[in-house]
Protein backbone atom coordinates (compact mmCIF):
# COMPACT_ATOMS: atom_id res chain seq x y z
CA MET A 1 -0.05 0.11 0.08
CA TYR A 2 2.71 2.45 0.97
CA PRO A 3 4.46 2.47 -2.54
CA ILE A 4 1.21 3.93 -4.08
CA LEU A 5 1.36 6.52 -1.11
CA ASN A 6 4.80 7.37 -1.88
CA LEU A 7 4.12 7.67 -5.74
CA ALA A 8 1.21 10.02 -4.98
CA SER A 9 3.26 12.03 -2.55
CA ILE A 10 6.08 12.50 -5.24
CA LEU A 11 3.63 13.60 -7.79
CA LEU A 12 1.92 16.14 -5.40
CA GLY A 13 5.44 17.41 -4.51
CA PHE A 14 6.39 17.94 -8.18
CA PHE A 15 2.93 19.73 -8.64
CA ALA A 16 3.70 21.92 -5.61
CA LEU A 17 6.83 23.04 -7.31
CA ILE A 18 5.79 23.33 -10.94
CA ILE A 19 2.80 25.78 -10.30
CA PRO A 20 4.99 28.79 -8.95
CA ILE A 21 7.64 27.91 -11.88
CA ARG A 22 4.93 28.40 -14.37
CA HIS A 23 4.05 31.89 -12.94
CA ILE A 24 7.79 32.87 -12.90
CA LYS A 25 8.22 31.98 -16.53
CA LYS A 26 5.26 33.86 -17.68
CA THR A 27 6.21 37.08 -19.63
CA GLU A 28 3.27 39.16 -19.04
CA LYS A 29 1.37 40.01 -15.74
CA SER A 30 -1.65 38.08 -15.14
CA ASN A 31 -4.45 38.47 -12.71
CA SER A 32 -3.24 38.73 -9.03
CA GLY A 33 -6.16 36.76 -7.79
CA THR A 34 -4.94 33.68 -9.95
CA LEU A 35 -1.50 34.05 -8.70
CA PHE A 36 -2.56 34.02 -5.03
CA ALA A 37 -4.95 31.08 -5.78
CA HIS A 38 -2.20 29.25 -7.41
CA ALA A 39 0.13 29.88 -4.50
CA ILE A 40 -2.39 28.51 -2.15
CA VAL A 41 -2.96 25.33 -4.24
CA SER A 42 0.75 24.83 -4.45
CA MET A 43 1.08 25.02 -0.59
CA PHE A 44 -1.96 22.75 -0.22
CA SER A 45 -0.55 20.08 -2.43
CA CYS A 46 2.86 20.36 -0.42
CA ALA A 47 0.88 19.72 2.69
CA ALA A 48 -1.05 16.81 1.09
CA SER A 49 2.38 15.45 0.02
CA PHE A 50 3.37 15.52 3.70
CA CYS A 51 0.27 13.93 4.78
CA LEU A 52 0.72 10.99 2.47
CA GLN A 53 4.25 10.48 3.69
CA LEU A 54 2.89 10.28 7.24
CA PHE A 55 0.30 7.81 6.12
CA ALA A 56 2.99 5.74 4.48
CA ILE A 57 5.04 5.96 7.80
CA SER A 58 1.84 4.88 9.63
CA GLN A 59 1.46 1.96 7.46
CA LYS A 60 5.05 0.78 8.04
CA VAL A 61 4.53 1.03 11.93
CA SER A 62 1.14 -0.77 11.73
CA VAL A 63 2.82 -3.79 10.07
CA ALA A 64 5.98 -3.53 12.35
CA ASP A 65 8.23 -2.97 9.56
CA TRP A 66 10.80 -1.44 11.86
CA SER A 67 13.81 -2.02 9.45
CA ALA A 68 12.26 -0.14 6.71
CA LEU A 69 11.11 2.54 8.86
CA THR A 70 14.46 3.11 10.42
CA ASP A 71 16.26 2.90 6.86
CA THR A 72 14.01 5.56 5.26
CA VAL A 73 12.73 8.01 7.82
CA ASN A 74 15.85 10.27 7.79
CA ILE A 75 15.80 10.64 4.12
CA ILE A 76 12.09 11.21 4.23
CA ALA A 77 12.50 14.03 6.65
CA PHE A 78 15.27 15.56 4.49
CA VAL A 79 13.29 15.40 1.32
CA ALA A 80 10.31 16.93 3.12
CA LEU A 81 12.50 19.80 4.26
CA LEU A 82 13.82 20.33 0.71
CA LEU A 83 10.17 20.33 -0.62
CA LEU A 84 8.87 22.79 1.83
CA SER A 85 11.77 25.21 1.56
CA GLY A 86 11.55 24.96 -2.25
CA ALA A 87 7.91 25.50 -2.38
CA ILE A 88 8.03 28.51 -0.06
CA PHE A 89 11.07 29.96 -2.01
CA LEU A 90 9.37 29.50 -5.42
CA ASN A 91 6.01 31.01 -4.26
CA ILE A 92 7.81 33.95 -2.87
CA LEU A 93 9.79 34.34 -6.06
CA ALA A 94 6.65 34.16 -8.08
CA LEU A 95 5.15 36.81 -6.06
CA VAL A 96 8.18 39.04 -6.43
CA SER A 97 8.21 38.60 -10.18
CA TYR A 98 4.64 39.24 -10.47
CA ARG A 99 5.43 42.76 -9.26
CA ARG A 100 8.37 43.30 -11.67
CA LYS A 101 6.33 42.22 -14.87
CA PRO A 102 4.88 45.01 -17.15
CA PRO A 103 1.01 45.00 -17.17
CA LYS A 104 -0.94 43.10 -19.75
CA THR A 105 -1.96 45.16 -22.68
CA PRO A 106 -5.30 44.94 -24.10
CA LYS A 107 -5.41 43.27 -27.53
CA GLN A 108 -6.82 45.29 -30.45
């Protein structure tokens, strides 16, 4: 069961990092409401990724797979720290880059 949880956690983690990267790469200024909504979605997917990792750890504990737990818990904590710091940094960078982009010009 926990390989599925790990795969879903990885996908949600990538999703949490891709959303702000898309806003950083945009060349013109978009609606600020969508930027804030996407930042919230990014952080929620980061939180969901953490929850899935906690469920995977809980599954290992419930089947008493102590060797797998002791082998993987340190790297899981390190990767979770990287994901959280990366998501926060990229979302802040997207918000800062939003302020520096030129406003959207109406099409004629």
